[in-house]
């Protein structure tokens, strides 16, 4: 099957078949599942006790709770399962009832539930024979402040999965796509405060050097936010540096706290804050 771009029908597109690709790429894709919750059962009462996992999964299965991801510590001190967020309340009740005896005697803690999560995964073939893929994945996420709650990896290494916050999914997908599929071009997202003499010269230099930086240093620089003492503006697709003054003039009223809140809310990968002000308050923030 060929998947074509309707805007560019003459391009080759993507070819899907039942044969392994010959392009040499180990990682073939990145996927994610939204709306996930974690249910964790832990305690000394799990260590060395046969049949604990069976009791857990049987209890969930009888109530039609589908388990999407499973991980268990080698110490056997805890078992963690990923399920749909819609089932988490039911799952907590089911498991607590199944282990009621152990919980009452303090051998096992009541189920710990975590919501607002998602699963992100690298998918590929022959990943088992290539060293460092897991490290590369987790290093990329770590550099972008994406906290990993749970890791799961099959013995075949065709799938490496991690559970992260739902709010970090977009940033994680973009960062991993940049790391594994783009031609070593890193995108930097700039948030600039202060566009006076120094700030305006800085923006002009970025605009002039943009092509050089991309071709020679493999850096794609995008200015996402601008602020002076009067107004501020954000443009998720990037502010046009040849007309940033008009865009800033038409922006909303400047507010330092709101500016930083928006930076955190956008949660872009490789985000850089540039302070071109003479304000001690801004530098302290």
C-alpha atoms as a PDB file:
ATOM      1  CA  UNK A   1       0.000   0.000   0.000  1.00  0.00           C
ATOM      2  CA  UNK A   2       1.245   3.486  -0.867  1.00  0.00           C
ATOM      3  CA  UNK A   3       0.307   6.484   1.263  1.00  0.00           C
ATOM      4  CA  UNK A   4       0.371   9.662  -0.807  1.00  0.00           C
ATOM      5  CA  UNK A   5       0.310  13.364  -0.008  1.00  0.00           C
ATOM      6  CA  UNK A   6      -2.753  14.797  -1.763  1.00  0.00           C
ATOM      7  CA  UNK A   7      -0.973  18.146  -2.116  1.00  0.00           C
ATOM      8  CA  UNK A   8       2.054  16.486  -3.747  1.00  0.00           C
ATOM      9  CA  UNK A   9       0.661  13.404  -5.538  1.00  0.00           C
ATOM     10  CA  UNK A  10       3.735  13.000  -7.745  1.00  0.00           C
ATOM     11  CA  UNK A  11       5.985  12.339  -4.751  1.00  0.00           C
ATOM     12  CA  UNK A  12       6.814   8.718  -3.934  1.00  0.00           C
ATOM     13  CA  UNK A  13       5.043   8.727  -0.565  1.00  0.00           C
ATOM     14  CA  UNK A  14       5.269   5.920   1.991  1.00  0.00           C
ATOM     15  CA  UNK A  15       5.212   2.240   1.021  1.00  0.00           C
ATOM     16  CA  UNK A  16       3.816  -0.333   3.451  1.00  0.00           C
ATOM     17  CA  UNK A  17       4.416  -4.062   2.955  1.00  0.00           C
ATOM     18  CA  UNK A  18       5.033  -7.258   4.902  1.00  0.00           C
ATOM     19  CA  UNK A  19       8.770  -7.167   4.170  1.00  0.00           C
ATOM     20  CA  UNK A  20      11.487  -5.539   6.248  1.00  0.00           C
ATOM     21  CA  UNK A  21      12.694  -2.198   4.963  1.00  0.00           C
ATOM     22  CA  UNK A  22      16.170  -2.158   3.443  1.00  0.00           C
ATOM     23  CA  UNK A  23      17.038   1.445   4.274  1.00  0.00           C
ATOM     24  CA  UNK A  24      19.187   0.473   7.239  1.00  0.00           C
ATOM     25  CA  UNK A  25      17.196   2.523   9.743  1.00  0.00           C
ATOM     26  CA  UNK A  26      16.642   0.622  12.969  1.00  0.00           C
ATOM     27  CA  UNK A  27      13.886   2.799  14.445  1.00  0.00           C
ATOM     28  CA  UNK A  28      10.933   2.798  12.047  1.00  0.00           C
ATOM     29  CA  UNK A  29       8.432   4.898  13.919  1.00  0.00           C
ATOM     30  CA  UNK A  30       7.330   6.645  17.084  1.00  0.00           C
ATOM     31  CA  UNK A  31       3.877   6.061  18.521  1.00  0.00           C
ATOM     32  CA  UNK A  32       1.932   7.119  21.571  1.00  0.00           C
ATOM     33  CA  UNK A  33      -1.245   6.286  23.468  1.00  0.00           C
ATOM     34  CA  UNK A  34      -3.089   9.053  25.286  1.00  0.00           C
ATOM     35  CA  UNK A  35      -5.386   8.917  28.294  1.00  0.00           C
ATOM     36  CA  UNK A  36      -3.383   6.426  30.362  1.00  0.00           C
ATOM     37  CA  UNK A  37      -3.293   5.835  34.108  1.00  0.00           C
ATOM     38  CA  UNK A  38      -0.942   3.760  36.270  1.00  0.00           C
ATOM     39  CA  UNK A  39      -1.976   1.434  39.079  1.00  0.00           C
ATOM     40  CA  UNK A  40       0.886   0.338  41.335  1.00  0.00           C
ATOM     41  CA  UNK A  41       0.779  -2.430  43.905  1.00  0.00           C
ATOM     42  CA  UNK A  42       3.763  -2.518  46.243  1.00  0.00           C
ATOM     43  CA  UNK A  43       4.904  -3.882  49.570  1.00  0.00           C
ATOM     44  CA  UNK A  44       7.123  -6.488  51.209  1.00  0.00           C
ATOM     45  CA  UNK A  45       4.252  -8.944  51.036  1.00  0.00           C
ATOM     46  CA  UNK A  46       4.858  -9.351  47.285  1.00  0.00           C
ATOM     47  CA  UNK A  47       8.454 -10.547  47.614  1.00  0.00           C
ATOM     48  CA  UNK A  48       8.944 -14.234  46.882  1.00  0.00           C
ATOM     49  CA  UNK A  49       5.223 -15.053  47.002  1.00  0.00           C
ATOM     50  CA  UNK A  50       4.135 -17.281  44.075  1.00  0.00           C
ATOM     51  CA  UNK A  51       0.927 -16.379  42.236  1.00  0.00           C
ATOM     52  CA  UNK A  52       0.773 -12.689  43.116  1.00  0.00           C
ATOM     53  CA  UNK A  53       0.850 -11.582  39.474  1.00  0.00           C
ATOM     54  CA  UNK A  54      -1.806 -14.165  38.607  1.00  0.00           C
ATOM     55  CA  UNK A  55      -4.124 -12.858  41.316  1.00  0.00           C
ATOM     56  CA  UNK A  56      -3.638  -9.282  40.133  1.00  0.00           C
ATOM     57  CA  UNK A  57      -4.273  -9.923  36.448  1.00  0.00           C
ATOM     58  CA  UNK A  58      -7.094 -12.388  37.081  1.00  0.00           C
ATOM     59  CA  UNK A  59      -8.918  -9.817  39.228  1.00  0.00           C
ATOM     60  CA  UNK A  60      -8.594  -7.189  36.498  1.00  0.00           C
ATOM     61  CA  UNK A  61      -9.525  -9.613  33.730  1.00  0.00           C
ATOM     62  CA  UNK A  62     -12.740 -10.724  35.444  1.00  0.00           C
ATOM     63  CA  UNK A  63     -13.951  -7.111  35.455  1.00  0.00           C
ATOM     64  CA  UNK A  64     -12.877  -6.501  31.824  1.00  0.00           C
ATOM     65  CA  UNK A  65     -10.068  -4.086  32.660  1.00  0.00           C
ATOM     66  CA  UNK A  66      -7.571  -4.197  29.803  1.00  0.00           C
ATOM     67  CA  UNK A  67      -3.882  -3.977  30.746  1.00  0.00           C
ATOM     68  CA  UNK A  68      -1.852  -2.001  28.197  1.00  0.00           C
ATOM     69  CA  UNK A  69       1.569  -2.059  29.843  1.00  0.00           C
ATOM     70  CA  UNK A  70       3.186  -4.110  32.607  1.00  0.00           C
ATOM     71  CA  UNK A  71       6.405  -3.603  34.543  1.00  0.00           C
ATOM     72  CA  UNK A  72       7.722  -5.286  37.670  1.00  0.00           C
ATOM     73  CA  UNK A  73      10.809  -4.482  39.718  1.00  0.00           C
ATOM     74  CA  UNK A  74      13.430  -7.234  39.879  1.00  0.00           C
ATOM     75  CA  UNK A  75      13.149  -7.058  43.679  1.00  0.00           C
ATOM     76  CA  UNK A  76       9.471  -8.105  43.277  1.00  0.00           C
ATOM     77  CA  UNK A  77       8.614  -5.254  45.664  1.00  0.00           C
ATOM     78  CA  UNK A  78       6.171  -3.669  43.207  1.00  0.00           C
ATOM     79  CA  UNK A  79       4.019  -4.385  40.160  1.00  0.00           C
ATOM     80  CA  UNK A  80       2.841  -1.535  37.953  1.00  0.00           C
ATOM     81  CA  UNK A  81       0.234  -1.734  35.188  1.00  0.00           C
ATOM     82  CA  UNK A  82      -0.836   0.845  32.648  1.00  0.00           C
ATOM     83  CA  UNK A  83      -4.555   0.943  31.844  1.00  0.00           C
ATOM     84  CA  UNK A  84      -7.063   3.312  30.292  1.00  0.00           C
ATOM     85  CA  UNK A  85      -7.738   6.326  32.499  1.00  0.00           C
ATOM     86  CA  UNK A  86     -11.465   5.491  32.255  1.00  0.00           C
ATOM     87  CA  UNK A  87     -10.852   2.247  34.163  1.00  0.00           C
ATOM     88  CA  UNK A  88      -8.544   3.476  36.903  1.00  0.00           C
ATOM     89  CA  UNK A  89     -11.165   3.965  39.631  1.00  0.00           C
ATOM     90  CA  UNK A  90     -12.619   0.525  38.961  1.00  0.00           C
ATOM     91  CA  UNK A  91      -9.152  -1.042  38.865  1.00  0.00           C
ATOM     92  CA  UNK A  92      -8.153   0.462  42.221  1.00  0.00           C
ATOM     93  CA  UNK A  93     -11.266  -0.936  43.877  1.00  0.00           C
ATOM     94  CA  UNK A  94     -10.855  -4.372  42.277  1.00  0.00           C
ATOM     95  CA  UNK A  95      -7.207  -4.794  43.256  1.00  0.00           C
ATOM     96  CA  UNK A  96      -7.701  -3.471  46.781  1.00  0.00           C
ATOM     97  CA  UNK A  97     -10.503  -6.002  47.265  1.00  0.00           C
ATOM     98  CA  UNK A  98      -8.401  -8.842  45.801  1.00  0.00           C
ATOM     99  CA  UNK A  99      -5.554  -8.100  48.251  1.00  0.00           C
ATOM    100  CA  UNK A 100      -7.709  -6.977  51.149  1.00  0.00           C
ATOM    101  CA  UNK A 101      -6.192  -9.530  53.561  1.00  0.00           C
ATOM    102  CA  UNK A 102      -2.593  -8.410  52.883  1.00  0.00           C
ATOM    103  CA  UNK A 103      -3.506  -4.700  52.956  1.00  0.00           C
ATOM    104  CA  UNK A 104      -5.261  -4.982  56.336  1.00  0.00           C
ATOM    105  CA  UNK A 105      -2.146  -6.607  57.824  1.00  0.00           C
ATOM    106  CA  UNK A 106       0.210  -4.021  56.371  1.00  0.00           C
ATOM    107  CA  UNK A 107       2.019  -6.470  54.101  1.00  0.00           C
ATOM    108  CA  UNK A 108       0.932  -4.620  50.958  1.00  0.00           C
ATOM    109  CA  UNK A 109       0.022  -0.954  50.509  1.00  0.00           C
ATOM    110  CA  UNK A 110      -3.300   0.106  48.957  1.00  0.00           C
ATOM    111  CA  UNK A 111      -3.076   0.639  45.215  1.00  0.00           C
ATOM    112  CA  UNK A 112      -1.392   3.876  44.148  1.00  0.00           C
ATOM    113  CA  UNK A 113      -3.158   5.513  41.176  1.00  0.00           C
ATOM    114  CA  UNK A 114      -1.599   8.093  38.847  1.00  0.00           C
ATOM    115  CA  UNK A 115      -3.558   9.895  36.134  1.00  0.00           C
ATOM    116  CA  UNK A 116      -2.970  12.303  33.232  1.00  0.00           C
ATOM    117  CA  UNK A 117      -0.308  10.097  31.652  1.00  0.00           C
ATOM    118  CA  UNK A 118       0.534   8.761  28.193  1.00  0.00           C
ATOM    119  CA  UNK A 119       2.668   6.019  26.682  1.00  0.00           C
ATOM    120  CA  UNK A 120       5.295   6.908  24.092  1.00  0.00           C
ATOM    121  CA  UNK A 121       7.188   4.195  22.214  1.00  0.00           C
ATOM    122  CA  UNK A 122       9.990   3.635  19.729  1.00  0.00           C
ATOM    123  CA  UNK A 123       9.059   0.923  17.230  1.00  0.00           C
ATOM    124  CA  UNK A 124      11.486  -0.865  14.960  1.00  0.00           C
ATOM    125  CA  UNK A 125      13.129  -4.057  13.832  1.00  0.00           C
ATOM    126  CA  UNK A 126      16.455  -5.573  14.904  1.00  0.00           C
ATOM    127  CA  UNK A 127      16.627  -3.030  17.721  1.00  0.00           C
ATOM    128  CA  UNK A 128      17.984  -5.808  19.933  1.00  0.00           C
ATOM    129  CA  UNK A 129      21.265  -5.942  18.020  1.00  0.00           C
ATOM    130  CA  UNK A 130      21.916  -2.184  18.167  1.00  0.00           C
ATOM    131  CA  UNK A 131      23.433  -0.850  21.363  1.00  0.00           C
ATOM    132  CA  UNK A 132      22.491   2.452  22.897  1.00  0.00           C
ATOM    133  CA  UNK A 133      18.999   2.952  21.473  1.00  0.00           C
ATOM    134  CA  UNK A 134      17.353   2.992  24.896  1.00  0.00           C
ATOM    135  CA  UNK A 135      20.019   5.337  26.209  1.00  0.00           C
ATOM    136  CA  UNK A 136      19.578   7.641  23.229  1.00  0.00           C
ATOM    137  CA  UNK A 137      15.809   7.709  23.732  1.00  0.00           C
ATOM    138  CA  UNK A 138      15.956   8.424  27.466  1.00  0.00           C
ATOM    139  CA  UNK A 139      18.787  10.921  27.094  1.00  0.00           C
ATOM    140  CA  UNK A 140      16.756  12.875  24.515  1.00  0.00           C
ATOM    141  CA  UNK A 141      13.729  12.953  26.806  1.00  0.00           C
ATOM    142  CA  UNK A 142      15.841  13.892  29.807  1.00  0.00           C
ATOM    143  CA  UNK A 143      17.491  16.823  28.014  1.00  0.00           C
ATOM    144  CA  UNK A 144      14.005  18.191  27.369  1.00  0.00           C
ATOM    145  CA  UNK A 145      12.859  17.774  30.984  1.00  0.00           C
ATOM    146  CA  UNK A 146      10.446  14.968  30.163  1.00  0.00           C
ATOM    147  CA  UNK A 147      10.147  12.867  33.294  1.00  0.00           C
ATOM    148  CA  UNK A 148       9.766   9.108  32.755  1.00  0.00           C
ATOM    149  CA  UNK A 149       7.470   7.350  35.193  1.00  0.00           C
ATOM    150  CA  UNK A 150       7.721   3.768  33.903  1.00  0.00           C
ATOM    151  CA  UNK A 151       9.807   1.912  31.310  1.00  0.00           C
ATOM    152  CA  UNK A 152       8.817  -1.301  29.501  1.00  0.00           C
ATOM    153  CA  UNK A 153      10.830  -3.155  26.884  1.00  0.00           C
ATOM    154  CA  UNK A 154      10.174  -6.538  25.274  1.00  0.00           C
ATOM    155  CA  UNK A 155      12.900  -9.148  24.937  1.00  0.00           C
ATOM    156  CA  UNK A 156      12.841  -8.723  21.152  1.00  0.00           C
ATOM    157  CA  UNK A 157      13.402  -4.962  21.565  1.00  0.00           C
ATOM    158  CA  UNK A 158      10.935  -4.217  18.769  1.00  0.00           C
ATOM    159  CA  UNK A 159       9.270  -1.766  21.112  1.00  0.00           C
ATOM    160  CA  UNK A 160      10.693   0.453  23.838  1.00  0.00           C
ATOM    161  CA  UNK A 161       7.934   2.171  25.799  1.00  0.00           C
ATOM    162  CA  UNK A 162       7.907   4.850  28.461  1.00  0.00           C
ATOM    163  CA  UNK A 163       5.097   6.402  30.470  1.00  0.00           C
ATOM    164  CA  UNK A 164       5.243  10.194  30.681  1.00  0.00           C
ATOM    165  CA  UNK A 165       2.971  13.102  31.601  1.00  0.00           C
ATOM    166  CA  UNK A 166       0.195  13.790  29.104  1.00  0.00           C
ATOM    167  CA  UNK A 167       1.300  17.432  28.896  1.00  0.00           C
ATOM    168  CA  UNK A 168       4.773  16.358  27.698  1.00  0.00           C
ATOM    169  CA  UNK A 169       3.616  14.174  24.772  1.00  0.00           C
ATOM    170  CA  UNK A 170       3.935  16.777  22.019  1.00  0.00           C
ATOM    171  CA  UNK A 171       7.394  17.839  23.162  1.00  0.00           C
ATOM    172  CA  UNK A 172       8.535  14.216  23.526  1.00  0.00           C
ATOM    173  CA  UNK A 173       7.301  13.232  20.058  1.00  0.00           C
ATOM    174  CA  UNK A 174       8.995  16.214  18.434  1.00  0.00           C
ATOM    175  CA  UNK A 175      12.264  15.674  20.315  1.00  0.00           C
ATOM    176  CA  UNK A 176      12.426  11.949  19.448  1.00  0.00           C
ATOM    177  CA  UNK A 177      11.483  12.590  15.815  1.00  0.00           C
ATOM    178  CA  UNK A 178      14.248  15.175  15.599  1.00  0.00           C
ATOM    179  CA  UNK A 179      16.755  12.772  17.159  1.00  0.00           C
ATOM    180  CA  UNK A 180      15.953   9.648  15.134  1.00  0.00           C
ATOM    181  CA  UNK A 181      14.597  10.867  11.796  1.00  0.00           C
ATOM    182  CA  UNK A 182      15.800  14.342  10.929  1.00  0.00           C
ATOM    183  CA  UNK A 183      19.193  15.019   9.390  1.00  0.00           C
ATOM    184  CA  UNK A 184      20.852  16.048  12.638  1.00  0.00           C
ATOM    185  CA  UNK A 185      19.134  19.439  12.505  1.00  0.00           C
ATOM    186  CA  UNK A 186      18.202  20.684  15.969  1.00  0.00           C
ATOM    187  CA  UNK A 187      15.385  23.166  16.361  1.00  0.00           C
ATOM    188  CA  UNK A 188      15.863  25.872  18.968  1.00  0.00           C
ATOM    189  CA  UNK A 189      12.783  27.732  20.223  1.00  0.00           C
ATOM    190  CA  UNK A 190      13.674  31.218  21.466  1.00  0.00           C
ATOM    191  CA  UNK A 191      11.682  33.361  23.879  1.00  0.00           C
ATOM    192  CA  UNK A 192      13.145  36.858  23.842  1.00  0.00           C
ATOM    193  CA  UNK A 193      12.472  39.560  26.421  1.00  0.00           C
ATOM    194  CA  UNK A 194      13.822  42.998  25.660  1.00  0.00           C
ATOM    195  CA  UNK A 195      13.927  44.330  22.081  1.00  0.00           C
ATOM    196  CA  UNK A 196      15.637  47.698  22.510  1.00  0.00           C
ATOM    197  CA  UNK A 197      19.020  48.496  20.983  1.00  0.00           C
ATOM    198  CA  UNK A 198      20.576  45.184  22.009  1.00  0.00           C
ATOM    199  CA  UNK A 199      17.447  43.093  21.494  1.00  0.00           C
ATOM    200  CA  UNK A 200      16.667  44.451  18.040  1.00  0.00           C
ATOM    201  CA  UNK A 201      20.264  43.888  16.903  1.00  0.00           C
ATOM    202  CA  UNK A 202      20.044  40.329  18.240  1.00  0.00           C
ATOM    203  CA  UNK A 203      16.864  39.617  16.267  1.00  0.00           C
ATOM    204  CA  UNK A 204      18.391  41.094  13.121  1.00  0.00           C
ATOM    205  CA  UNK A 205      21.464  38.877  13.537  1.00  0.00           C
ATOM    206  CA  UNK A 206      19.297  35.789  14.023  1.00  0.00           C
ATOM    207  CA  UNK A 207      17.377  36.633  10.846  1.00  0.00           C
ATOM    208  CA  UNK A 208      20.566  37.236   8.858  1.00  0.00           C
ATOM    209  CA  UNK A 209      22.332  34.113  10.123  1.00  0.00           C
ATOM    210  CA  UNK A 210      19.351  31.744  10.011  1.00  0.00           C
ATOM    211  CA  UNK A 211      20.263  30.116   6.694  1.00  0.00           C
ATOM    212  CA  UNK A 212      23.960  29.838   7.610  1.00  0.00           C
ATOM    213  CA  UNK A 213      23.170  28.273  11.000  1.00  0.00           C
ATOM    214  CA  UNK A 214      20.890  25.676   9.434  1.00  0.00           C
ATOM    215  CA  UNK A 215      23.246  24.701   6.617  1.00  0.00           C
ATOM    216  CA  UNK A 216      26.536  24.790   8.520  1.00  0.00           C
ATOM    217  CA  UNK A 217      25.723  24.215  12.199  1.00  0.00           C
ATOM    218  CA  UNK A 218      22.516  22.198  11.732  1.00  0.00           C
ATOM    219  CA  UNK A 219      20.521  24.606  13.913  1.00  0.00           C
ATOM    220  CA  UNK A 220      17.034  25.725  12.966  1.00  0.00           C
ATOM    221  CA  UNK A 221      16.267  28.780  15.088  1.00  0.00           C
ATOM    222  CA  UNK A 222      12.668  29.860  15.616  1.00  0.00           C
ATOM    223  CA  UNK A 223      11.631  32.893  17.682  1.00  0.00           C
ATOM    224  CA  UNK A 224       8.357  31.936  19.346  1.00  0.00           C
ATOM    225  CA  UNK A 225       7.868  34.721  21.895  1.00  0.00           C
ATOM    226  CA  UNK A 226       8.814  38.408  22.120  1.00  0.00           C
ATOM    227  CA  UNK A 227       8.245  41.021  24.801  1.00  0.00           C
ATOM    228  CA  UNK A 228       9.206  44.594  25.585  1.00  0.00           C
ATOM    229  CA  UNK A 229       7.986  46.784  28.439  1.00  0.00           C
ATOM    230  CA  UNK A 230       4.691  47.546  26.664  1.00  0.00           C
ATOM    231  CA  UNK A 231       3.539  44.546  24.632  1.00  0.00           C
ATOM    232  CA  UNK A 232       4.288  40.879  24.077  1.00  0.00           C
ATOM    233  CA  UNK A 233       3.459  38.388  21.341  1.00  0.00           C
ATOM    234  CA  UNK A 234       3.631  34.620  20.850  1.00  0.00           C
ATOM    235  CA  UNK A 235       3.512  32.764  17.551  1.00  0.00           C
ATOM    236  CA  UNK A 236       3.691  28.969  17.747  1.00  0.00           C
ATOM    237  CA  UNK A 237       4.796  28.688  14.133  1.00  0.00           C
ATOM    238  CA  UNK A 238       7.548  31.235  14.651  1.00  0.00           C
ATOM    239  CA  UNK A 239       7.592  35.044  14.427  1.00  0.00           C
ATOM    240  CA  UNK A 240       8.579  36.440  11.020  1.00  0.00           C
ATOM    241  CA  UNK A 241      11.841  38.244  11.767  1.00  0.00           C
ATOM    242  CA  UNK A 242      11.440  40.613   8.828  1.00  0.00           C
ATOM    243  CA  UNK A 243       8.308  42.112  10.421  1.00  0.00           C
ATOM    244  CA  UNK A 244       8.640  41.344  14.126  1.00  0.00           C
ATOM    245  CA  UNK A 245       8.130  45.007  15.046  1.00  0.00           C
ATOM    246  CA  UNK A 246       4.624  45.090  13.540  1.00  0.00           C
ATOM    247  CA  UNK A 247       3.689  41.800  15.199  1.00  0.00           C
ATOM    248  CA  UNK A 248       4.943  42.957  18.575  1.00  0.00           C
ATOM    249  CA  UNK A 249       3.164  46.297  18.285  1.00  0.00           C
ATOM    250  CA  UNK A 250      -0.133  44.465  17.656  1.00  0.00           C
ATOM    251  CA  UNK A 251       0.444  42.070  20.570  1.00  0.00           C
ATOM    252  CA  UNK A 252      -1.183  41.979  23.995  1.00  0.00           C
ATOM    253  CA  UNK A 253      -0.198  44.029  27.030  1.00  0.00           C
ATOM    254  CA  UNK A 254       3.154  42.976  28.468  1.00  0.00           C
ATOM    255  CA  UNK A 255       3.080  40.927  31.660  1.00  0.00           C
ATOM    256  CA  UNK A 256       6.270  39.291  32.922  1.00  0.00           C
ATOM    257  CA  UNK A 257       4.519  36.573  34.933  1.00  0.00           C
ATOM    258  CA  UNK A 258       2.156  35.720  32.080  1.00  0.00           C
ATOM    259  CA  UNK A 259       5.093  35.597  29.664  1.00  0.00           C
ATOM    260  CA  UNK A 260       6.841  32.917  31.728  1.00  0.00           C
ATOM    261  CA  UNK A 261       3.574  31.052  32.285  1.00  0.00           C
ATOM    262  CA  UNK A 262       3.077  30.891  28.518  1.00  0.00           C
ATOM    263  CA  UNK A 263       6.641  29.624  28.006  1.00  0.00           C
ATOM    264  CA  UNK A 264       5.965  26.786  30.452  1.00  0.00           C
ATOM    265  CA  UNK A 265       2.530  26.091  29.001  1.00  0.00           C
ATOM    266  CA  UNK A 266       3.847  25.790  25.431  1.00  0.00           C
ATOM    267  CA  UNK A 267       6.413  23.312  26.789  1.00  0.00           C
ATOM    268  CA  UNK A 268       8.510  23.225  23.599  1.00  0.00           C
ATOM    269  CA  UNK A 269      11.628  21.130  23.210  1.00  0.00           C
ATOM    270  CA  UNK A 270      14.980  22.928  23.176  1.00  0.00           C
ATOM    271  CA  UNK A 271      13.454  26.095  24.619  1.00  0.00           C
ATOM    272  CA  UNK A 272      15.829  28.994  25.338  1.00  0.00           C
ATOM    273  CA  UNK A 273      14.990  32.204  27.191  1.00  0.00           C
ATOM    274  CA  UNK A 274      16.987  35.243  26.035  1.00  0.00           C
ATOM    275  CA  UNK A 275      17.164  38.204  28.421  1.00  0.00           C
ATOM    276  CA  UNK A 276      18.105  41.427  26.610  1.00  0.00           C
ATOM    277  CA  UNK A 277      16.801  43.672  29.390  1.00  0.00           C
ATOM    278  CA  UNK A 278      18.614  45.558  32.108  1.00  0.00           C
ATOM    279  CA  UNK A 279      16.074  44.385  34.682  1.00  0.00           C
ATOM    280  CA  UNK A 280      17.336  42.648  37.811  1.00  0.00           C
ATOM    281  CA  UNK A 281      13.830  41.182  38.340  1.00  0.00           C
ATOM    282  CA  UNK A 282      13.890  39.446  34.969  1.00  0.00           C
ATOM    283  CA  UNK A 283      17.357  37.974  35.540  1.00  0.00           C
ATOM    284  CA  UNK A 284      16.316  36.665  38.954  1.00  0.00           C
ATOM    285  CA  UNK A 285      13.207  35.016  37.495  1.00  0.00           C
END
